[in-house]
Structure formats: structure tokens, C-alpha cells
PDB file of N, CA and C in Angstrom:
ATOM      1  N   UNK A   1       6.927 -10.683 -41.532  1.00  0.00           N
ATOM      2  CA  UNK A   1       5.621 -10.970 -42.076  1.00  0.00           C
ATOM      3  C   UNK A   1       4.637 -11.086 -40.919  1.00  0.00           C
ATOM      4  N   UNK A   2       3.488 -10.482 -41.059  1.00  0.00           N
ATOM      5  CA  UNK A   2       2.501 -10.438 -39.994  1.00  0.00           C
ATOM      6  C   UNK A   2       1.393 -11.441 -40.263  1.00  0.00           C
ATOM      7  N   UNK A   3       0.862 -12.040 -39.171  1.00  0.00           N
ATOM      8  CA  UNK A   3      -0.228 -12.997 -39.289  1.00  0.00           C
ATOM      9  C   UNK A   3      -1.591 -12.317 -39.249  1.00  0.00           C
ATOM     10  N   UNK A   4      -1.636 -11.016 -39.007  1.00  0.00           N
ATOM     11  CA  UNK A   4      -2.898 -10.299 -38.915  1.00  0.00           C
ATOM     12  C   UNK A   4      -3.514 -10.083 -40.285  1.00  0.00           C
ATOM     13  N   UNK A   5      -4.810 -10.288 -40.334  1.00  0.00           N
ATOM     14  CA  UNK A   5      -5.563  -9.972 -41.533  1.00  0.00           C
ATOM     15  C   UNK A   5      -6.072  -8.562 -41.346  1.00  0.00           C
ATOM     16  N   UNK A   6      -6.059  -7.783 -42.356  1.00  0.00           N
ATOM     17  CA  UNK A   6      -6.474  -6.381 -42.260  1.00  0.00           C
ATOM     18  C   UNK A   6      -7.901  -6.296 -41.746  1.00  0.00           C
ATOM     19  N   UNK A   7      -8.058  -5.630 -40.591  1.00  0.00           N
ATOM     20  CA  UNK A   7      -9.395  -5.396 -40.039  1.00  0.00           C
ATOM     21  C   UNK A   7      -9.912  -6.529 -39.173  1.00  0.00           C
ATOM     22  N   UNK A   8      -9.265  -7.675 -39.108  1.00  0.00           N
ATOM     23  CA  UNK A   8      -9.759  -8.793 -38.307  1.00  0.00           C
ATOM     24  C   UNK A   8      -9.462  -8.517 -36.836  1.00  0.00           C
ATOM     25  N   UNK A   9     -10.472  -8.596 -35.994  1.00  0.00           N
ATOM     26  CA  UNK A   9     -10.316  -8.404 -34.572  1.00  0.00           C
ATOM     27  C   UNK A   9     -10.296  -6.948 -34.150  1.00  0.00           C
ATOM     28  N   UNK A  10     -10.323  -6.055 -35.079  1.00  0.00           N
ATOM     29  CA  UNK A  10     -10.310  -4.631 -34.740  1.00  0.00           C
ATOM     30  C   UNK A  10     -11.734  -4.145 -34.580  1.00  0.00           C
ATOM     31  N   UNK A  11     -11.917  -3.246 -33.648  1.00  0.00           N
ATOM     32  CA  UNK A  11     -13.254  -2.689 -33.410  1.00  0.00           C
ATOM     33  C   UNK A  11     -13.565  -1.670 -34.496  1.00  0.00           C
ATOM     34  N   UNK A  12     -14.796  -1.743 -34.986  1.00  0.00           N
ATOM     35  CA  UNK A  12     -15.221  -0.773 -35.987  1.00  0.00           C
ATOM     36  C   UNK A  12     -15.874   0.399 -35.278  1.00  0.00           C
ATOM     37  N   UNK A  13     -16.324   1.365 -36.018  1.00  0.00           N
ATOM     38  CA  UNK A  13     -16.965   2.532 -35.425  1.00  0.00           C
ATOM     39  C   UNK A  13     -18.171   2.114 -34.606  1.00  0.00           C
ATOM     40  N   UNK A  14     -18.229   2.543 -33.318  1.00  0.00           N
ATOM     41  CA  UNK A  14     -19.377   2.254 -32.471  1.00  0.00           C
ATOM     42  C   UNK A  14     -19.307   0.923 -31.753  1.00  0.00           C
ATOM     43  N   UNK A  15     -18.341   0.079 -32.038  1.00  0.00           N
ATOM     44  CA  UNK A  15     -18.229  -1.216 -31.366  1.00  0.00           C
ATOM     45  C   UNK A  15     -17.029  -1.192 -30.426  1.00  0.00           C
ATOM     46  N   UNK A  16     -17.141  -1.932 -29.342  1.00  0.00           N
ATOM     47  CA  UNK A  16     -16.025  -2.086 -28.425  1.00  0.00           C
ATOM     48  C   UNK A  16     -15.308  -3.384 -28.755  1.00  0.00           C
ATOM     49  N   UNK A  17     -14.072  -3.468 -28.334  1.00  0.00           N
ATOM     50  CA  UNK A  17     -13.291  -4.668 -28.601  1.00  0.00           C
ATOM     51  C   UNK A  17     -13.956  -5.845 -27.895  1.00  0.00           C
ATOM     52  N   UNK A  18     -14.173  -6.938 -28.593  1.00  0.00           N
ATOM     53  CA  UNK A  18     -14.761  -8.136 -28.023  1.00  0.00           C
ATOM     54  C   UNK A  18     -16.273  -8.147 -28.058  1.00  0.00           C
ATOM     55  N   UNK A  19     -16.901  -7.105 -28.573  1.00  0.00           N
ATOM     56  CA  UNK A  19     -18.360  -7.056 -28.630  1.00  0.00           C
ATOM     57  C   UNK A  19     -18.802  -6.712 -30.049  1.00  0.00           C
ATOM     58  N   UNK A  20     -19.941  -7.234 -30.396  1.00  0.00           N
ATOM     59  CA  UNK A  20     -20.566  -6.861 -31.665  1.00  0.00           C
ATOM     60  C   UNK A  20     -21.820  -6.087 -31.347  1.00  0.00           C
ATOM     61  N   UNK A  21     -22.385  -5.443 -32.322  1.00  0.00           N
ATOM     62  CA  UNK A  21     -23.584  -4.634 -32.114  1.00  0.00           C
ATOM     63  C   UNK A  21     -24.707  -5.511 -31.576  1.00  0.00           C
ATOM     64  N   UNK A  22     -25.331  -5.115 -30.438  1.00  0.00           N
ATOM     65  CA  UNK A  22     -26.463  -5.840 -29.877  1.00  0.00           C
ATOM     66  C   UNK A  22     -26.093  -7.092 -29.111  1.00  0.00           C
ATOM     67  N   UNK A  23     -24.845  -7.273 -28.776  1.00  0.00           N
ATOM     68  CA  UNK A  23     -24.407  -8.492 -28.109  1.00  0.00           C
ATOM     69  C   UNK A  23     -23.432  -8.125 -26.994  1.00  0.00           C
ATOM     70  N   UNK A  24     -23.607  -8.712 -25.823  1.00  0.00           N
ATOM     71  CA  UNK A  24     -22.694  -8.464 -24.703  1.00  0.00           C
ATOM     72  C   UNK A  24     -21.564  -9.476 -24.725  1.00  0.00           C
ATOM     73  N   UNK A  25     -20.470  -9.101 -24.116  1.00  0.00           N
ATOM     74  CA  UNK A  25     -19.340 -10.021 -24.016  1.00  0.00           C
ATOM     75  C   UNK A  25     -19.727 -11.210 -23.151  1.00  0.00           C
ATOM     76  N   UNK A  26     -19.428 -12.402 -23.565  1.00  0.00           N
ATOM     77  CA  UNK A  26     -19.709 -13.603 -22.803  1.00  0.00           C
ATOM     78  C   UNK A  26     -21.047 -14.235 -23.119  1.00  0.00           C
ATOM     79  N   UNK A  27     -21.884 -13.601 -23.911  1.00  0.00           N
ATOM     80  CA  UNK A  27     -23.181 -14.174 -24.286  1.00  0.00           C
ATOM     81  C   UNK A  27     -23.110 -14.697 -25.714  1.00  0.00           C
ATOM     82  N   UNK A  28     -23.731 -15.837 -25.958  1.00  0.00           N
ATOM     83  CA  UNK A  28     -23.746 -16.365 -27.319  1.00  0.00           C
ATOM     84  C   UNK A  28     -24.539 -15.441 -28.246  1.00  0.00           C
ATOM     85  N   UNK A  29     -24.165 -15.444 -29.498  1.00  0.00           N
ATOM     86  CA  UNK A  29     -24.842 -14.602 -30.483  1.00  0.00           C
ATOM     87  C   UNK A  29     -26.267 -15.090 -30.713  1.00  0.00           C
ATOM     88  N   UNK A  30     -27.198 -14.175 -30.833  1.00  0.00           N
ATOM     89  CA  UNK A  30     -28.568 -14.522 -31.172  1.00  0.00           C
ATOM     90  C   UNK A  30     -29.466 -14.814 -29.992  1.00  0.00           C
ATOM     91  N   UNK A  31     -28.947 -14.870 -28.763  1.00  0.00           N
ATOM     92  CA  UNK A  31     -29.786 -15.135 -27.605  1.00  0.00           C
ATOM     93  C   UNK A  31     -30.029 -13.820 -26.852  1.00  0.00           C
ATOM     94  N   UNK A  32     -31.288 -13.587 -26.459  1.00  0.00           N
ATOM     95  CA  UNK A  32     -31.570 -12.346 -25.738  1.00  0.00           C
ATOM     96  C   UNK A  32     -31.009 -12.412 -24.315  1.00  0.00           C
ATOM     97  N   UNK A  33     -30.725 -11.261 -23.774  1.00  0.00           N
ATOM     98  CA  UNK A  33     -30.213 -11.195 -22.405  1.00  0.00           C
ATOM     99  C   UNK A  33     -31.326 -11.568 -21.426  1.00  0.00           C
ATOM    100  N   UNK A  34     -30.985 -12.335 -20.394  1.00  0.00           N
ATOM    101  CA  UNK A  34     -31.957 -12.726 -19.377  1.00  0.00           C
ATOM    102  C   UNK A  34     -32.274 -11.530 -18.492  1.00  0.00           C
ATOM    103  N   UNK A  35     -33.536 -11.417 -18.045  1.00  0.00           N
ATOM    104  CA  UNK A  35     -33.862 -10.305 -17.154  1.00  0.00           C
ATOM    105  C   UNK A  35     -33.185 -10.497 -15.801  1.00  0.00           C
ATOM    106  N   UNK A  36     -32.710  -9.416 -15.230  1.00  0.00           N
ATOM    107  CA  UNK A  36     -32.064  -9.499 -13.926  1.00  0.00           C
ATOM    108  C   UNK A  36     -33.116  -9.316 -12.844  1.00  0.00           C
ATOM    109  N   UNK A  37     -33.104 -10.161 -11.809  1.00  0.00           N
ATOM    110  CA  UNK A  37     -34.098 -10.041 -10.744  1.00  0.00           C
ATOM    111  C   UNK A  37     -33.797  -8.826  -9.865  1.00  0.00           C
ATOM    112  N   UNK A  38     -34.833  -8.253  -9.282  1.00  0.00           N
ATOM    113  CA  UNK A  38     -34.655  -7.148  -8.356  1.00  0.00           C
ATOM    114  C   UNK A  38     -34.222  -7.723  -7.014  1.00  0.00           C
ATOM    115  N   UNK A  39     -33.054  -7.337  -6.552  1.00  0.00           N
ATOM    116  CA  UNK A  39     -32.509  -7.833  -5.307  1.00  0.00           C
ATOM    117  C   UNK A  39     -32.411  -6.701  -4.301  1.00  0.00           C
ATOM    118  N   UNK A  40     -32.663  -7.036  -3.030  1.00  0.00           N
ATOM    119  CA  UNK A  40     -32.498  -6.056  -1.955  1.00  0.00           C
ATOM    120  C   UNK A  40     -31.201  -6.355  -1.233  1.00  0.00           C
ATOM    121  N   UNK A  41     -30.422  -5.344  -1.003  1.00  0.00           N
ATOM    122  CA  UNK A  41     -29.173  -5.487  -0.286  1.00  0.00           C
ATOM    123  C   UNK A  41     -29.458  -5.426   1.203  1.00  0.00           C
ATOM    124  N   UNK A  42     -29.103  -6.481   1.922  1.00  0.00           N
ATOM    125  CA  UNK A  42     -29.318  -6.528   3.371  1.00  0.00           C
ATOM    126  C   UNK A  42     -28.040  -6.069   4.045  1.00  0.00           C
ATOM    127  N   UNK A  43     -28.142  -4.973   4.737  1.00  0.00           N
ATOM    128  CA  UNK A  43     -26.982  -4.424   5.422  1.00  0.00           C
ATOM    129  C   UNK A  43     -27.026  -4.857   6.882  1.00  0.00           C
ATOM    130  N   UNK A  44     -26.118  -5.720   7.270  1.00  0.00           N
ATOM    131  CA  UNK A  44     -26.055  -6.230   8.631  1.00  0.00           C
ATOM    132  C   UNK A  44     -24.710  -5.842   9.250  1.00  0.00           C
ATOM    133  N   UNK A  45     -24.726  -5.523  10.542  1.00  0.00           N
ATOM    134  CA  UNK A  45     -23.453  -5.173  11.186  1.00  0.00           C
ATOM    135  C   UNK A  45     -22.572  -6.403  11.364  1.00  0.00           C
ATOM    136  N   UNK A  46     -21.304  -6.171  11.473  1.00  0.00           N
ATOM    137  CA  UNK A  46     -20.361  -7.258  11.736  1.00  0.00           C
ATOM    138  C   UNK A  46     -20.257  -7.421  13.248  1.00  0.00           C
ATOM    139  N   UNK A  47     -20.819  -8.515  13.745  1.00  0.00           N
ATOM    140  CA  UNK A  47     -20.918  -8.731  15.183  1.00  0.00           C
ATOM    141  C   UNK A  47     -19.549  -8.800  15.844  1.00  0.00           C
ATOM    142  N   UNK A  48     -18.610  -9.421  15.189  1.00  0.00           N
ATOM    143  CA  UNK A  48     -17.275  -9.559  15.772  1.00  0.00           C
ATOM    144  C   UNK A  48     -16.673  -8.193  16.075  1.00  0.00           C
ATOM    145  N   UNK A  49     -16.853  -7.242  15.181  1.00  0.00           N
ATOM    146  CA  UNK A  49     -16.304  -5.904  15.400  1.00  0.00           C
ATOM    147  C   UNK A  49     -16.957  -5.230  16.604  1.00  0.00           C
ATOM    148  N   UNK A  50     -18.266  -5.388  16.760  1.00  0.00           N
ATOM    149  CA  UNK A  50     -18.957  -4.792  17.898  1.00  0.00           C
ATOM    150  C   UNK A  50     -18.513  -5.432  19.210  1.00  0.00           C
ATOM    151  N   UNK A  51     -18.394  -6.748  19.235  1.00  0.00           N
ATOM    152  CA  UNK A  51     -17.997  -7.450  20.455  1.00  0.00           C
ATOM    153  C   UNK A  51     -16.561  -7.088  20.836  1.00  0.00           C
ATOM    154  N   UNK A  52     -15.660  -7.080  19.874  1.00  0.00           N
ATOM    155  CA  UNK A  52     -14.261  -6.757  20.159  1.00  0.00           C
ATOM    156  C   UNK A  52     -14.125  -5.306  20.609  1.00  0.00           C
ATOM    157  N   UNK A  53     -14.865  -4.403  19.983  1.00  0.00           N
ATOM    158  CA  UNK A  53     -14.814  -2.998  20.387  1.00  0.00           C
ATOM    159  C   UNK A  53     -15.333  -2.822  21.812  1.00  0.00           C
ATOM    160  N   UNK A  54     -16.444  -3.476  22.139  1.00  0.00           N
ATOM    161  CA  UNK A  54     -16.980  -3.396  23.495  1.00  0.00           C
ATOM    162  C   UNK A  54     -16.016  -3.950  24.522  1.00  0.00           C
ATOM    163  N   UNK A  55     -15.397  -5.073  24.223  1.00  0.00           N
ATOM    164  CA  UNK A  55     -14.445  -5.684  25.155  1.00  0.00           C
ATOM    165  C   UNK A  55     -13.195  -4.812  25.303  1.00  0.00           C
ATOM    166  N   UNK A  56     -12.721  -4.240  24.207  1.00  0.00           N
ATOM    167  CA  UNK A  56     -11.527  -3.383  24.263  1.00  0.00           C
ATOM    168  C   UNK A  56     -11.796  -2.123  25.087  1.00  0.00           C
ATOM    169  N   UNK A  57     -12.959  -1.521  24.907  1.00  0.00           N
ATOM    170  CA  UNK A  57     -13.302  -0.347  25.706  1.00  0.00           C
ATOM    171  C   UNK A  57     -13.419  -0.703  27.190  1.00  0.00           C
ATOM    172  N   UNK A  58     -13.952  -1.877  27.487  1.00  0.00           N
ATOM    173  CA  UNK A  58     -14.071  -2.314  28.877  1.00  0.00           C
ATOM    174  C   UNK A  58     -12.702  -2.561  29.495  1.00  0.00           C
ATOM    175  N   UNK A  59     -11.767  -3.130  28.742  1.00  0.00           N
ATOM    176  CA  UNK A  59     -10.410  -3.346  29.258  1.00  0.00           C
ATOM    177  C   UNK A  59      -9.726  -1.997  29.485  1.00  0.00           C
ATOM    178  N   UNK A  60      -9.998  -1.032  28.629  1.00  0.00           N
ATOM    179  CA  UNK A  60      -9.460   0.318  28.820  1.00  0.00           C
ATOM    180  C   UNK A  60     -10.009   0.934  30.108  1.00  0.00           C
ATOM    181  N   UNK A  61     -11.305   0.738  30.373  1.00  0.00           N
ATOM    182  CA  UNK A  61     -11.904   1.213  31.627  1.00  0.00           C
ATOM    183  C   UNK A  61     -11.253   0.515  32.814  1.00  0.00           C
ATOM    184  N   UNK A  62     -10.957  -0.770  32.673  1.00  0.00           N
ATOM    185  CA  UNK A  62     -10.295  -1.508  33.752  1.00  0.00           C
ATOM    186  C   UNK A  62      -8.899  -0.954  34.016  1.00  0.00           C
ATOM    187  N   UNK A  63      -8.176  -0.612  32.967  1.00  0.00           N
ATOM    188  CA  UNK A  63      -6.830  -0.060  33.139  1.00  0.00           C
ATOM    189  C   UNK A  63      -6.882   1.305  33.828  1.00  0.00           C
ATOM    190  N   UNK A  64      -7.812   2.143  33.414  1.00  0.00           N
ATOM    191  CA  UNK A  64      -7.946   3.464  34.036  1.00  0.00           C
ATOM    192  C   UNK A  64      -8.373   3.325  35.488  1.00  0.00           C
ATOM    193  N   UNK A  65      -9.296   2.417  35.754  1.00  0.00           N
ATOM    194  CA  UNK A  65      -9.753   2.194  37.130  1.00  0.00           C
ATOM    195  C   UNK A  65      -8.620   1.685  38.018  1.00  0.00           C
ATOM    196  N   UNK A  66      -7.761   0.848  37.492  1.00  0.00           N
ATOM    197  CA  UNK A  66      -6.641   0.329  38.259  1.00  0.00           C
ATOM    198  C   UNK A  66      -5.667   1.434  38.627  1.00  0.00           C
ATOM    199  N   UNK A  67      -5.445   2.354  37.711  1.00  0.00           N
ATOM    200  CA  UNK A  67      -4.511   3.446  37.966  1.00  0.00           C
ATOM    201  C   UNK A  67      -5.115   4.477  38.926  1.00  0.00           C
ATOM    202  N   UNK A  68      -6.410   4.768  38.765  1.00  0.00           N
ATOM    203  CA  UNK A  68      -7.056   5.819  39.550  1.00  0.00           C
ATOM    204  C   UNK A  68      -7.364   5.369  40.975  1.00  0.00           C
ATOM    205  N   UNK A  69      -7.847   4.145  41.143  1.00  0.00           N
ATOM    206  CA  UNK A  69      -8.235   3.667  42.468  1.00  0.00           C
ATOM    207  C   UNK A  69      -6.998   3.407  43.326  1.00  0.00           C
ATOM    208  N   UNK A  70      -7.112   3.650  44.645  1.00  0.00           N
ATOM    209  CA  UNK A  70      -5.947   3.414  45.512  1.00  0.00           C
ATOM    210  C   UNK A  70      -5.667   1.914  45.660  1.00  0.00           C
ATOM    211  N   UNK A  71      -4.383   1.574  45.805  1.00  0.00           N
ATOM    212  CA  UNK A  71      -3.967   0.180  45.954  1.00  0.00           C
ATOM    213  C   UNK A  71      -4.053  -0.188  47.432  1.00  0.00           C
ATOM    214  N   UNK A  72      -4.747  -1.278  47.721  1.00  0.00           N
ATOM    215  CA  UNK A  72      -4.808  -1.776  49.098  1.00  0.00           C
ATOM    216  C   UNK A  72      -3.738  -2.833  49.288  1.00  0.00           C
ATOM    217  N   UNK A  73      -3.440  -3.138  50.500  1.00  0.00           N
ATOM    218  CA  UNK A  73      -2.396  -4.125  50.783  1.00  0.00           C
ATOM    219  C   UNK A  73      -2.808  -5.543  50.475  1.00  0.00           C
ATOM    220  N   UNK A  74      -4.112  -5.781  50.301  1.00  0.00           N
ATOM    221  CA  UNK A  74      -4.594  -7.144  50.107  1.00  0.00           C
ATOM    222  C   UNK A  74      -4.343  -7.654  48.680  1.00  0.00           C
ATOM    223  N   UNK A  75      -4.524  -6.797  47.671  1.00  0.00           N
ATOM    224  CA  UNK A  75      -4.350  -7.193  46.268  1.00  0.00           C
ATOM    225  C   UNK A  75      -3.374  -6.251  45.582  1.00  0.00           C
ATOM    226  N   UNK A  76      -2.579  -6.790  44.672  1.00  0.00           N
ATOM    227  CA  UNK A  76      -1.656  -5.951  43.912  1.00  0.00           C
ATOM    228  C   UNK A  76      -2.401  -5.274  42.760  1.00  0.00           C
ATOM    229  N   UNK A  77      -1.765  -4.276  42.173  1.00  0.00           N
ATOM    230  CA  UNK A  77      -2.381  -3.553  41.054  1.00  0.00           C
ATOM    231  C   UNK A  77      -2.585  -4.482  39.855  1.00  0.00           C
ATOM    232  N   UNK A  78      -1.666  -5.411  39.646  1.00  0.00           N
ATOM    233  CA  UNK A  78      -1.795  -6.371  38.541  1.00  0.00           C
ATOM    234  C   UNK A  78      -2.977  -7.301  38.718  1.00  0.00           C
ATOM    235  N   UNK A  79      -3.206  -7.728  39.964  1.00  0.00           N
ATOM    236  CA  UNK A  79      -4.353  -8.600  40.239  1.00  0.00           C
ATOM    237  C   UNK A  79      -5.671  -7.874  40.027  1.00  0.00           C
ATOM    238  N   UNK A  80      -5.700  -6.631  40.511  1.00  0.00           N
ATOM    239  CA  UNK A  80      -6.924  -5.834  40.345  1.00  0.00           C
ATOM    240  C   UNK A  80      -7.201  -5.612  38.867  1.00  0.00           C
ATOM    241  N   UNK A  81      -6.156  -5.283  38.106  1.00  0.00           N
ATOM    242  CA  UNK A  81      -6.353  -5.078  36.668  1.00  0.00           C
ATOM    243  C   UNK A  81      -6.822  -6.362  35.996  1.00  0.00           C
ATOM    244  N   UNK A  82      -6.246  -7.495  36.341  1.00  0.00           N
ATOM    245  CA  UNK A  82      -6.639  -8.777  35.736  1.00  0.00           C
ATOM    246  C   UNK A  82      -8.089  -9.117  36.001  1.00  0.00           C
ATOM    247  N   UNK A  83      -8.513  -8.985  37.259  1.00  0.00           N
ATOM    248  CA  UNK A  83      -9.911  -9.287  37.598  1.00  0.00           C
ATOM    249  C   UNK A  83     -10.873  -8.325  36.904  1.00  0.00           C
ATOM    250  N   UNK A  84     -10.525  -7.040  36.941  1.00  0.00           N
ATOM    251  CA  UNK A  84     -11.395  -6.055  36.283  1.00  0.00           C
ATOM    252  C   UNK A  84     -11.420  -6.251  34.768  1.00  0.00           C
ATOM    253  N   UNK A  85     -10.272  -6.559  34.171  1.00  0.00           N
ATOM    254  CA  UNK A  85     -10.214  -6.738  32.716  1.00  0.00           C
ATOM    255  C   UNK A  85     -11.070  -7.920  32.282  1.00  0.00           C
ATOM    256  N   UNK A  86     -11.006  -9.004  33.032  1.00  0.00           N
ATOM    257  CA  UNK A  86     -11.799 -10.184  32.660  1.00  0.00           C
ATOM    258  C   UNK A  86     -13.292  -9.921  32.854  1.00  0.00           C
ATOM    259  N   UNK A  87     -13.647  -9.411  34.022  1.00  0.00           N
ATOM    260  CA  UNK A  87     -15.081  -9.220  34.288  1.00  0.00           C
ATOM    261  C   UNK A  87     -15.674  -8.110  33.426  1.00  0.00           C
ATOM    262  N   UNK A  88     -14.988  -6.971  33.345  1.00  0.00           N
ATOM    263  CA  UNK A  88     -15.522  -5.880  32.515  1.00  0.00           C
ATOM    264  C   UNK A  88     -15.411  -6.205  31.025  1.00  0.00           C
ATOM    265  N   UNK A  89     -14.393  -6.974  30.638  1.00  0.00           N
ATOM    266  CA  UNK A  89     -14.260  -7.368  29.233  1.00  0.00           C
ATOM    267  C   UNK A  89     -15.427  -8.234  28.767  1.00  0.00           C
ATOM    268  N   UNK A  90     -15.837  -9.167  29.617  1.00  0.00           N
ATOM    269  CA  UNK A  90     -17.005  -9.996  29.281  1.00  0.00           C
ATOM    270  C   UNK A  90     -18.276  -9.145  29.198  1.00  0.00           C
ATOM    271  N   UNK A  91     -18.432  -8.265  30.180  1.00  0.00           N
ATOM    272  CA  UNK A  91     -19.604  -7.393  30.183  1.00  0.00           C
ATOM    273  C   UNK A  91     -19.590  -6.469  28.957  1.00  0.00           C
ATOM    274  N   UNK A  92     -18.433  -5.920  28.615  1.00  0.00           N
ATOM    275  CA  UNK A  92     -18.326  -5.033  27.448  1.00  0.00           C
ATOM    276  C   UNK A  92     -18.596  -5.765  26.144  1.00  0.00           C
ATOM    277  N   UNK A  93     -18.137  -7.013  26.046  1.00  0.00           N
ATOM    278  CA  UNK A  93     -18.417  -7.816  24.850  1.00  0.00           C
ATOM    279  C   UNK A  93     -19.902  -8.081  24.683  1.00  0.00           C
ATOM    280  N   UNK A  94     -20.561  -8.410  25.797  1.00  0.00           N
ATOM    281  CA  UNK A  94     -22.016  -8.623  25.742  1.00  0.00           C
ATOM    282  C   UNK A  94     -22.757  -7.332  25.391  1.00  0.00           C
ATOM    283  N   UNK A  95     -22.301  -6.237  25.953  1.00  0.00           N
ATOM    284  CA  UNK A  95     -22.925  -4.943  25.645  1.00  0.00           C
ATOM    285  C   UNK A  95     -22.720  -4.585  24.169  1.00  0.00           C
ATOM    286  N   UNK A  96     -21.536  -4.864  23.638  1.00  0.00           N
ATOM    287  CA  UNK A  96     -21.278  -4.620  22.213  1.00  0.00           C
ATOM    288  C   UNK A  96     -22.161  -5.467  21.319  1.00  0.00           C
ATOM    289  N   UNK A  97     -22.378  -6.729  21.701  1.00  0.00           N
ATOM    290  CA  UNK A  97     -23.265  -7.602  20.932  1.00  0.00           C
ATOM    291  C   UNK A  97     -24.701  -7.099  20.983  1.00  0.00           C
ATOM    292  N   UNK A  98     -25.127  -6.597  22.139  1.00  0.00           N
ATOM    293  CA  UNK A  98     -26.481  -6.053  22.256  1.00  0.00           C
ATOM    294  C   UNK A  98     -26.650  -4.822  21.377  1.00  0.00           C
ATOM    295  N   UNK A  99     -25.632  -3.982  21.306  1.00  0.00           N
ATOM    296  CA  UNK A  99     -25.692  -2.810  20.426  1.00  0.00           C
ATOM    297  C   UNK A  99     -25.791  -3.244  18.975  1.00  0.00           C
ATOM    298  N   UNK A 100     -25.048  -4.286  18.583  1.00  0.00           N
ATOM    299  CA  UNK A 100     -25.106  -4.786  17.205  1.00  0.00           C
ATOM    300  C   UNK A 100     -26.498  -5.303  16.866  1.00  0.00           C
ATOM    301  N   UNK A 101     -27.135  -5.980  17.810  1.00  0.00           N
ATOM    302  CA  UNK A 101     -28.495  -6.478  17.585  1.00  0.00           C
ATOM    303  C   UNK A 101     -29.459  -5.313  17.412  1.00  0.00           C
ATOM    304  N   UNK A 102     -29.310  -4.276  18.228  1.00  0.00           N
ATOM    305  CA  UNK A 102     -30.176  -3.106  18.116  1.00  0.00           C
ATOM    306  C   UNK A 102     -29.962  -2.352  16.805  1.00  0.00           C
ATOM    307  N   UNK A 103     -28.722  -2.318  16.339  1.00  0.00           N
ATOM    308  CA  UNK A 103     -28.430  -1.641  15.062  1.00  0.00           C
ATOM    309  C   UNK A 103     -29.044  -2.406  13.905  1.00  0.00           C
ATOM    310  N   UNK A 104     -29.077  -3.740  14.012  1.00  0.00           N
ATOM    311  CA  UNK A 104     -29.596  -4.562  12.918  1.00  0.00           C
ATOM    312  C   UNK A 104     -31.114  -4.520  12.816  1.00  0.00           C
ATOM    313  N   UNK A 105     -31.800  -4.284  13.923  1.00  0.00           N
ATOM    314  CA  UNK A 105     -33.262  -4.302  13.906  1.00  0.00           C
ATOM    315  C   UNK A 105     -33.802  -3.321  12.885  1.00  0.00           C
ATOM    316  N   UNK A 106     -34.792  -3.745  12.109  1.00  0.00           N
ATOM    317  CA  UNK A 106     -35.361  -2.813  11.130  1.00  0.00           C
ATOM    318  C   UNK A 106     -36.096  -1.688  11.845  1.00  0.00           C
ATOM    319  N   UNK A 107     -35.962  -0.516  11.299  1.00  0.00           N
ATOM    320  CA  UNK A 107     -36.610   0.641  11.895  1.00  0.00           C
ATOM    321  C   UNK A 107     -38.056   0.706  11.438  1.00  0.00           C
ATOM    322  N   UNK A 108     -38.938   0.978  12.370  1.00  0.00           N
ATOM    323  CA  UNK A 108     -40.357   1.123  12.034  1.00  0.00           C
ATOM    324  C   UNK A 108     -40.626   2.558  11.676  1.00  0.00           C
ATOM    325  N   UNK A 109     -41.428   2.758  10.643  1.00  0.00           N
ATOM    326  CA  UNK A 109     -41.738   4.127  10.205  1.00  0.00           C
ATOM    327  C   UNK A 109     -43.168   4.446  10.470  1.00  0.00           C
TER     328      UNK A 109
END
């Protein structure tokens, strides 16, 4: 034996399930829909991605520089890479942040 009443809860022609004619789902019956405000989407860059990318590229430059430059007897290759990675990494991170700021600036027409 079924608990369903014939036609109860079923969508009729032109209606979607859960909606009646002239009414949206989730809105009480008889109330008009509120007007939606016009919103502007602000597209801003993700600063963390720019800073990390700049620092990673700088560390890559430090690694290439360590391999390409000749090794002197005063410092080991690991020391040179460490100093270059730290100093160029900081500079690359700052440069990446500056690029992000420039990308965010509104363009003048």
C-alpha cells in the first residue's frame, strides 16, 4: 500500500519540482522577489602567489649562478648558493610583490 496521493508533489505541465507558477524555490508565497543590487566584481591578484613565484625564480637564478660561476677556495659552492638564495630570494619576493601591485592598479583610459 502506498502513502502517495495521486498527483500530490508531482510537477504539472510547465512547473518544476518544488516550484509553483510565479514563485521561486525558498521564497514564501505571495511576496514579490527583492531587486538584486548591481555589484562590481573586483579582480585582485593573489599577492602570495606573486611573492612566492618571484622568490622561487630568484632561488633558481642563485642555483644557476652557483653552478656557472667558478668556485674559489675561500667559499664552498654550498655557501655561495645559500648566500645567493637568501639575498636573491628576498629581492625576488619584493620584485614579485611590486609586480602584483602594478597588476592591481586600475588602468587609465
